Amino acid sequence: GIFDVVKGVLKGVGKNVAGSLLEQLKCKLSGGC
């Protein structure tokens, strides 16, 4: 149903946000920013 679609989208967005935050953290830790 539509709720499954919404859940899927939210999961995807959450993964993307978490991934970009992790990348920023790695960048700062390695001093490459």
N, C-alpha and C. Protein backbone atom coordinates (compact mmCIF):
# COMPACT_ATOMS: atom_id res chain seq x y z
N GLY A 1 0.81 -1.20 0.00
CA GLY A 1 0.00 0.00 0.00
C GLY A 1 0.85 1.27 0.00
N ILE A 2 0.19 2.39 0.13
CA ILE A 2 0.91 3.67 0.08
C ILE A 2 1.83 3.83 1.28
N PHE A 3 1.44 3.24 2.41
CA PHE A 3 2.29 3.37 3.61
C PHE A 3 3.61 2.64 3.41
N ASP A 4 3.57 1.51 2.70
CA ASP A 4 4.80 0.78 2.41
C ASP A 4 5.73 1.62 1.55
N VAL A 5 5.15 2.33 0.59
CA VAL A 5 5.95 3.20 -0.28
C VAL A 5 6.60 4.30 0.55
N VAL A 6 5.81 4.92 1.42
CA VAL A 6 6.33 6.00 2.26
C VAL A 6 7.44 5.49 3.17
N LYS A 7 7.23 4.32 3.75
CA LYS A 7 8.25 3.73 4.62
C LYS A 7 9.54 3.49 3.85
N GLY A 8 9.40 2.97 2.63
CA GLY A 8 10.57 2.70 1.80
C GLY A 8 11.33 3.98 1.49
N VAL A 9 10.60 5.03 1.16
CA VAL A 9 11.23 6.31 0.84
C VAL A 9 11.96 6.86 2.07
N LEU A 10 11.31 6.79 3.23
CA LEU A 10 11.92 7.31 4.45
C LEU A 10 13.19 6.54 4.79
N LYS A 11 13.14 5.21 4.60
CA LYS A 11 14.32 4.39 4.86
C LYS A 11 15.47 4.81 3.95
N GLY A 12 15.15 5.02 2.67
CA GLY A 12 16.17 5.42 1.70
C GLY A 12 16.77 6.77 2.06
N VAL A 13 15.91 7.71 2.43
CA VAL A 13 16.39 9.05 2.80
C VAL A 13 17.26 8.96 4.05
N GLY A 14 16.81 8.17 5.03
CA GLY A 14 17.58 8.01 6.27
C GLY A 14 18.96 7.46 6.00
N LYS A 15 19.03 6.47 5.10
CA LYS A 15 20.33 5.88 4.75
C LYS A 15 21.23 6.92 4.11
N ASN A 16 20.67 7.71 3.20
CA ASN A 16 21.46 8.73 2.51
C ASN A 16 21.99 9.77 3.49
N VAL A 17 21.13 10.20 4.41
CA VAL A 17 21.54 11.21 5.39
C VAL A 17 22.63 10.64 6.29
N ALA A 18 22.43 9.42 6.79
CA ALA A 18 23.42 8.79 7.66
C ALA A 18 24.74 8.62 6.91
N GLY A 19 24.65 8.22 5.64
CA GLY A 19 25.85 8.02 4.84
C GLY A 19 26.63 9.31 4.65
N SER A 20 25.93 10.40 4.37
CA SER A 20 26.63 11.67 4.15
C SER A 20 27.23 12.18 5.45
N LEU A 21 26.54 11.95 6.58
CA LEU A 21 27.08 12.36 7.88
C LEU A 21 28.35 11.57 8.18
N LEU A 22 28.33 10.27 7.89
CA LEU A 22 29.51 9.43 8.12
C LEU A 22 30.67 9.89 7.25
N GLU A 23 30.38 10.23 6.00
CA GLU A 23 31.43 10.70 5.09
C GLU A 23 32.06 11.98 5.62
N GLN A 24 31.23 12.90 6.12
CA GLN A 24 31.74 14.16 6.67
C GLN A 24 32.62 13.89 7.88
N LEU A 25 32.19 12.94 8.72
CA LEU A 25 32.95 12.60 9.92
C LEU A 25 34.30 12.01 9.55
N LYS A 26 34.30 11.07 8.60
CA LYS A 26 35.55 10.46 8.13
C LYS A 26 36.48 11.54 7.60
N CYS A 27 35.91 12.45 6.81
CA CYS A 27 36.68 13.53 6.19
C CYS A 27 37.35 14.38 7.27
N LYS A 28 36.59 14.73 8.31
CA LYS A 28 37.15 15.56 9.38
C LYS A 28 38.21 14.81 10.16
N LEU A 29 37.96 13.53 10.43
CA LEU A 29 38.91 12.73 11.20
C LEU A 29 40.22 12.55 10.45
N SER A 30 40.13 12.39 9.13
CA SER A 30 41.35 12.19 8.34
C SER A 30 42.00 13.51 7.97
N GLY A 31 41.32 14.63 8.28
CA GLY A 31 41.89 15.94 7.99
C GLY A 31 41.89 16.28 6.51
N GLY A 32 41.00 15.64 5.74
CA GLY A 32 41.00 15.85 4.30
C GLY A 32 40.01 16.89 3.83
N CYS A 33 39.34 17.57 4.75
CA CYS A 33 38.31 18.54 4.34
C CYS A 33 38.95 19.85 3.88
